[in-house]
Amino acid sequence: ISGGDATAERDILLDFRHVNDQDAVMLEQAVAKSDIPQVTRASHRIKGASRMVGALALAGVCERIEHASRANDWPAVEAGMGAFHQEWRRLNAHLDSL
């Protein structure tokens, strides 16, 4: 996407961080409200964006949450949130170091 331009890469990742943080808040609010359709949308958005920037661990966690929400498996959704927060914080720490 960036054509190897380091400045463009950083700008893309900063944009990703901003949008991803908003989507993470959306996911957290959906879980707090037990809103399965919104959990599905938010986890799907984060999964796709994370894959695009190579954040595969976060994408994997979101994929599990998305599948659980599509199966209406609320205990699995809630169980996945711990791993989500761990990977989200880890990714943000990396992005903050750029």
Protein backbone atom coordinates (compact mmCIF):
# COMPACT_ATOMS: atom_id res chain seq x y z
CA ILE A 1 0.00 0.00 0.00
CA SER A 2 2.75 2.43 0.93
CA GLY A 3 5.10 1.54 -1.90
CA GLY A 4 7.91 1.23 0.63
CA ASP A 5 7.68 4.87 1.68
CA ALA A 6 8.36 4.98 5.43
CA THR A 7 6.42 8.21 5.93
CA ALA A 8 3.42 6.81 4.10
CA GLU A 9 3.61 3.61 6.18
CA ARG A 10 3.62 5.61 9.40
CA ASP A 11 0.69 7.74 8.23
CA ILE A 12 -1.30 4.64 7.27
CA LEU A 13 -0.61 3.03 10.64
CA LEU A 14 -1.58 6.20 12.51
CA ASP A 15 -4.84 6.34 10.56
CA PHE A 16 -5.40 2.67 11.30
CA ARG A 17 -4.78 3.29 15.00
CA HIS A 18 -7.33 6.11 15.12
CA VAL A 19 -10.08 4.12 13.38
CA ASN A 20 -9.21 0.91 15.21
CA ASP A 21 -9.48 2.65 18.57
CA GLN A 22 -12.97 3.86 17.62
CA ASP A 23 -13.95 0.36 16.53
CA ALA A 24 -12.59 -1.07 19.79
CA VAL A 25 -14.80 1.32 21.76
CA MET A 26 -17.74 0.22 19.59
CA LEU A 27 -16.93 -3.42 20.38
CA GLU A 28 -16.62 -2.76 24.11
CA GLN A 29 -19.93 -0.87 24.16
CA ALA A 30 -21.65 -3.64 22.21
CA VAL A 31 -20.42 -6.24 24.68
CA ALA A 32 -21.51 -4.08 27.61
CA LYS A 33 -25.00 -3.84 26.05
CA SER A 34 -25.10 -7.53 25.02
CA ASP A 35 -25.71 -6.33 21.45
CA ILE A 36 -24.78 -9.37 19.35
CA PRO A 37 -25.27 -7.74 15.90
CA GLN A 38 -23.04 -4.82 16.90
CA VAL A 39 -20.43 -7.21 18.33
CA THR A 40 -20.43 -8.98 14.97
CA ARG A 41 -20.00 -5.72 13.02
CA ALA A 42 -17.27 -4.31 15.25
CA SER A 43 -15.25 -7.51 15.49
CA HIS A 44 -15.52 -8.00 11.72
CA ARG A 45 -14.28 -4.43 11.05
CA ILE A 46 -11.33 -4.79 13.42
CA LYS A 47 -10.47 -8.21 11.97
CA GLY A 48 -10.34 -6.91 8.40
CA ALA A 49 -8.40 -3.76 9.16
CA SER A 50 -5.95 -5.66 11.35
CA ARG A 51 -5.25 -8.15 8.58
CA MET A 52 -4.57 -5.30 6.15
CA VAL A 53 -1.78 -3.92 8.35
CA GLY A 54 -0.39 -7.31 9.39
CA ALA A 55 -1.76 -7.34 12.95
CA LEU A 56 -2.62 -11.01 12.65
CA ALA A 57 -2.86 -11.81 16.36
CA LEU A 58 -5.54 -9.14 16.87
CA ALA A 59 -7.28 -10.26 13.68
CA GLY A 60 -7.35 -13.83 14.99
CA VAL A 61 -8.90 -12.82 18.30
CA CYS A 62 -11.53 -10.74 16.49
CA GLU A 63 -12.27 -13.62 14.16
CA ARG A 64 -13.00 -15.85 17.17
CA ILE A 65 -15.25 -13.17 18.68
CA GLU A 66 -17.02 -12.69 15.36
CA HIS A 67 -17.64 -16.43 14.96
CA ALA A 68 -18.92 -16.65 18.53
CA SER A 69 -21.28 -13.73 17.97
CA ARG A 70 -22.60 -15.23 14.73
CA ALA A 71 -23.27 -18.46 16.66
CA ASN A 72 -24.97 -16.43 19.41
CA ASP A 73 -22.43 -17.91 21.85
CA TRP A 74 -22.37 -15.12 24.41
CA PRO A 75 -20.03 -16.86 26.89
CA ALA A 76 -17.44 -17.27 24.11
CA VAL A 77 -17.81 -13.59 23.12
CA GLU A 78 -17.19 -12.50 26.70
CA ALA A 79 -14.31 -14.96 27.07
CA GLY A 80 -12.66 -13.56 23.95
CA MET A 81 -12.62 -10.02 25.26
CA GLY A 82 -9.66 -10.65 27.58
CA ALA A 83 -7.52 -11.76 24.65
CA PHE A 84 -8.87 -8.86 22.61
CA HIS A 85 -7.75 -6.31 25.19
CA GLN A 86 -4.35 -7.96 25.52
CA GLU A 87 -3.70 -7.91 21.76
CA TRP A 88 -5.16 -4.43 21.31
CA ARG A 89 -2.87 -3.01 24.02
CA ARG A 90 0.12 -4.87 22.58
CA LEU A 91 -0.54 -3.53 19.08
CA ASN A 92 -1.07 0.02 20.36
CA ALA A 93 2.19 -0.12 22.31
CA HIS A 94 3.96 -1.11 19.09
CA LEU A 95 2.26 1.66 17.11
CA ASP A 96 3.17 4.18 19.83
CA SER A 97 6.83 3.22 19.43
CA LEU A 98 6.91 4.19 15.75
